[in-house]
Amino acid sequence: MANYNYLTQGGYDKLKAELEELKTTGRMEAARAIAEARAQGDLSENAEYDAAKDAQGLLELKISELETVLSTARVIDESQLDASKVAILSNVTIKNIKTGKEMTYKLVSESEADAKQLKISVTSPIGQGLLGKVKGEVAKITTPGGALEFEVVDITIG
């Protein structure tokens, strides 16, 4: 079975733009840095040359990773999603049973996860524990910090 990366249209467009930036500007800057370091003479003892080559290798790795994500991407139409149970792109309001604190998260793909924007990956422990739950159901989730229980308070799409 193929592993897909489910993305919103906005997430797909953002990754595509980042890839294009790295392939054009990023590669030109890496080539320029290598050329400048090479112009300084003996390459066997040239730390700047080694650093520029390492940076180029990391750039190519990042490009390769983005190409892989985009090649396996499936753009999800949020208007076609069902809000009766937690799924990818659901906005889920959960209540910590122990503390009573409520939080709302959006479940997204790993490549779109951003804790500052309260977007958590469906592959994270909390994301996995919430998938498939319905309103009112309690999710028992094992995290690195210990076991937690969350009640699903609300599920919305969008």
Protein backbone atom coordinates (compact mmCIF):
# COMPACT_ATOMS: atom_id res chain seq x y z
CA MET A 1 0.00 0.00 0.00
CA ALA A 2 1.30 3.42 -0.94
CA ASN A 3 1.82 6.04 1.72
CA TYR A 4 0.00 9.20 0.74
CA ASN A 5 0.54 12.69 2.08
CA TYR A 6 -2.89 14.24 2.46
CA LEU A 7 -2.69 18.01 2.05
CA THR A 8 -4.97 20.97 1.80
CA GLN A 9 -4.72 22.95 -1.43
CA GLY A 10 -2.96 25.72 0.52
CA GLY A 11 -0.44 23.29 2.00
CA TYR A 12 0.26 21.77 -1.42
CA ASP A 13 0.77 25.20 -3.00
CA LYS A 14 3.11 26.26 -0.17
CA LEU A 15 5.30 23.15 -0.55
CA LYS A 16 5.36 23.55 -4.33
CA ALA A 17 6.49 27.18 -4.00
CA GLU A 18 9.19 26.22 -1.47
CA LEU A 19 10.47 23.51 -3.81
CA GLU A 20 10.64 25.93 -6.74
CA GLU A 21 12.51 28.47 -4.58
CA LEU A 22 15.07 25.87 -3.50
CA LYS A 23 15.57 24.62 -7.07
CA THR A 24 16.18 28.10 -8.46
CA THR A 25 17.52 30.58 -5.92
CA GLY A 26 18.83 27.96 -3.50
CA ARG A 27 20.85 26.12 -6.13
CA MET A 28 22.24 29.37 -7.57
CA GLU A 29 23.39 30.52 -4.13
CA ALA A 30 24.99 27.13 -3.40
CA ALA A 31 26.86 27.19 -6.72
CA ARG A 32 28.03 30.75 -6.06
CA ALA A 33 29.33 29.81 -2.59
CA ILE A 34 31.22 26.82 -4.02
CA ALA A 35 32.72 28.95 -6.80
CA GLU A 36 33.87 31.61 -4.31
CA ALA A 37 35.46 28.99 -2.06
CA ARG A 38 37.11 27.24 -5.01
CA ALA A 39 38.64 30.57 -6.11
CA GLN A 40 40.54 30.76 -2.81
CA GLY A 41 43.00 28.08 -3.92
CA ASP A 42 43.99 24.70 -2.47
CA LEU A 43 40.80 22.67 -1.97
CA SER A 44 42.43 20.07 0.31
CA GLU A 45 42.66 22.55 3.19
CA ASN A 46 39.77 24.84 2.33
CA ALA A 47 37.16 24.75 5.10
CA GLU A 48 34.89 27.19 3.24
CA TYR A 49 34.81 24.85 0.24
CA ASP A 50 33.93 21.87 2.47
CA ALA A 51 31.19 23.89 4.18
CA ALA A 52 29.76 25.04 0.84
CA LYS A 53 29.71 21.45 -0.47
CA ASP A 54 27.99 20.27 2.73
CA ALA A 55 25.38 23.03 2.41
CA GLN A 56 24.80 22.00 -1.20
CA GLY A 57 24.28 18.39 -0.08
CA LEU A 58 21.72 19.47 2.54
CA LEU A 59 19.93 21.61 -0.06
CA GLU A 60 19.68 18.66 -2.46
CA LEU A 61 18.40 16.45 0.37
CA LYS A 62 15.67 18.98 1.19
CA ILE A 63 14.73 19.21 -2.51
CA SER A 64 14.53 15.42 -2.72
CA GLU A 65 12.33 15.23 0.41
CA LEU A 66 9.94 17.88 -0.92
CA GLU A 67 9.74 16.13 -4.29
CA THR A 68 8.84 12.88 -2.51
CA VAL A 69 6.12 14.56 -0.44
CA LEU A 70 4.64 16.25 -3.51
CA SER A 71 4.81 13.09 -5.63
CA THR A 72 2.71 11.21 -3.07
CA ALA A 73 0.42 14.14 -2.27
CA ARG A 74 -3.34 13.86 -2.39
CA VAL A 75 -5.17 17.18 -2.14
CA ILE A 76 -8.29 16.86 -0.02
CA ASP A 77 -11.41 18.87 -0.73
CA GLU A 78 -12.61 19.99 2.71
CA SER A 79 -16.18 20.43 1.47
CA GLN A 80 -16.41 16.65 0.94
CA LEU A 81 -15.44 15.71 4.52
CA ASP A 82 -17.79 14.31 7.15
CA ALA A 83 -17.90 16.09 10.53
CA SER A 84 -19.54 13.17 12.37
CA LYS A 85 -16.17 11.68 13.33
CA VAL A 86 -12.58 12.87 13.62
CA ALA A 87 -10.62 12.61 10.37
CA ILE A 88 -7.79 14.43 8.65
CA LEU A 89 -8.57 18.18 8.30
CA SER A 90 -11.09 18.04 11.17
CA ASN A 91 -11.08 20.82 13.73
CA VAL A 92 -11.42 18.97 17.02
CA THR A 93 -12.21 20.59 20.34
CA ILE A 94 -11.04 18.31 23.12
CA LYS A 95 -11.22 18.56 26.89
CA ASN A 96 -8.51 17.13 29.11
CA ILE A 97 -10.45 14.96 31.57
CA LYS A 98 -7.90 15.52 34.36
CA THR A 99 -7.53 19.31 34.10
CA GLY A 100 -10.79 20.30 32.41
CA LYS A 101 -8.85 22.46 29.94
CA GLU A 102 -10.27 22.69 26.41
CA MET A 103 -8.19 23.06 23.25
CA THR A 104 -9.08 23.08 19.57
CA TYR A 105 -6.70 21.47 17.09
CA LYS A 106 -6.79 20.89 13.37
CA LEU A 107 -5.57 17.44 12.31
CA VAL A 108 -3.31 17.74 9.28
CA SER A 109 -0.64 15.77 7.45
CA GLU A 110 2.84 15.56 8.92
CA SER A 111 4.20 18.10 6.42
CA GLU A 112 1.57 20.71 7.40
CA ALA A 113 1.82 20.27 11.18
CA ASP A 114 2.54 23.50 13.07
CA ALA A 115 2.10 23.61 16.84
CA LYS A 116 2.01 27.43 16.89
CA GLN A 117 -1.05 27.37 14.62
CA LEU A 118 -2.57 24.47 16.62
CA LYS A 119 -2.23 22.11 13.65
CA ILE A 120 -1.21 18.63 14.78
CA SER A 121 -0.21 15.69 12.64
CA VAL A 122 -2.52 12.73 12.28
CA THR A 123 0.59 10.59 12.85
CA SER A 124 1.33 12.15 16.26
CA PRO A 125 0.20 10.25 19.37
CA ILE A 126 -2.68 12.69 19.99
CA GLY A 127 -3.65 12.75 16.30
CA GLN A 128 -3.69 8.95 16.10
CA GLY A 129 -5.66 8.69 19.33
CA LEU A 130 -8.34 11.09 18.08
CA LEU A 131 -8.85 9.63 14.59
CA GLY A 132 -12.24 7.99 14.21
CA LYS A 133 -13.63 9.29 17.51
CA VAL A 134 -17.11 10.84 17.63
CA LYS A 135 -18.46 13.75 19.67
CA GLY A 136 -18.69 12.80 23.35
CA GLU A 137 -16.26 9.88 23.08
CA VAL A 138 -13.20 9.71 25.34
CA ALA A 139 -9.80 9.07 23.77
CA LYS A 140 -7.15 7.42 25.93
CA ILE A 141 -3.79 8.47 24.51
CA THR A 142 -0.32 7.36 25.51
CA THR A 143 2.17 10.19 25.03
CA PRO A 144 5.86 10.45 25.93
CA GLY A 145 4.70 12.40 29.01
CA GLY A 146 2.34 9.66 30.14
CA ALA A 147 -1.24 8.55 29.55
CA LEU A 148 -3.87 11.24 28.91
CA GLU A 149 -7.64 11.15 28.49
CA PHE A 150 -9.45 13.61 26.25
CA GLU A 151 -13.16 13.98 25.63
CA VAL A 152 -14.13 15.00 22.10
CA VAL A 153 -16.27 18.09 22.68
CA ASP A 154 -16.84 19.20 19.08
CA ILE A 155 -15.85 18.33 15.51
CA THR A 156 -16.02 20.80 12.64
CA ILE A 157 -14.60 20.98 9.12
CA GLY A 158 -12.96 24.01 7.60
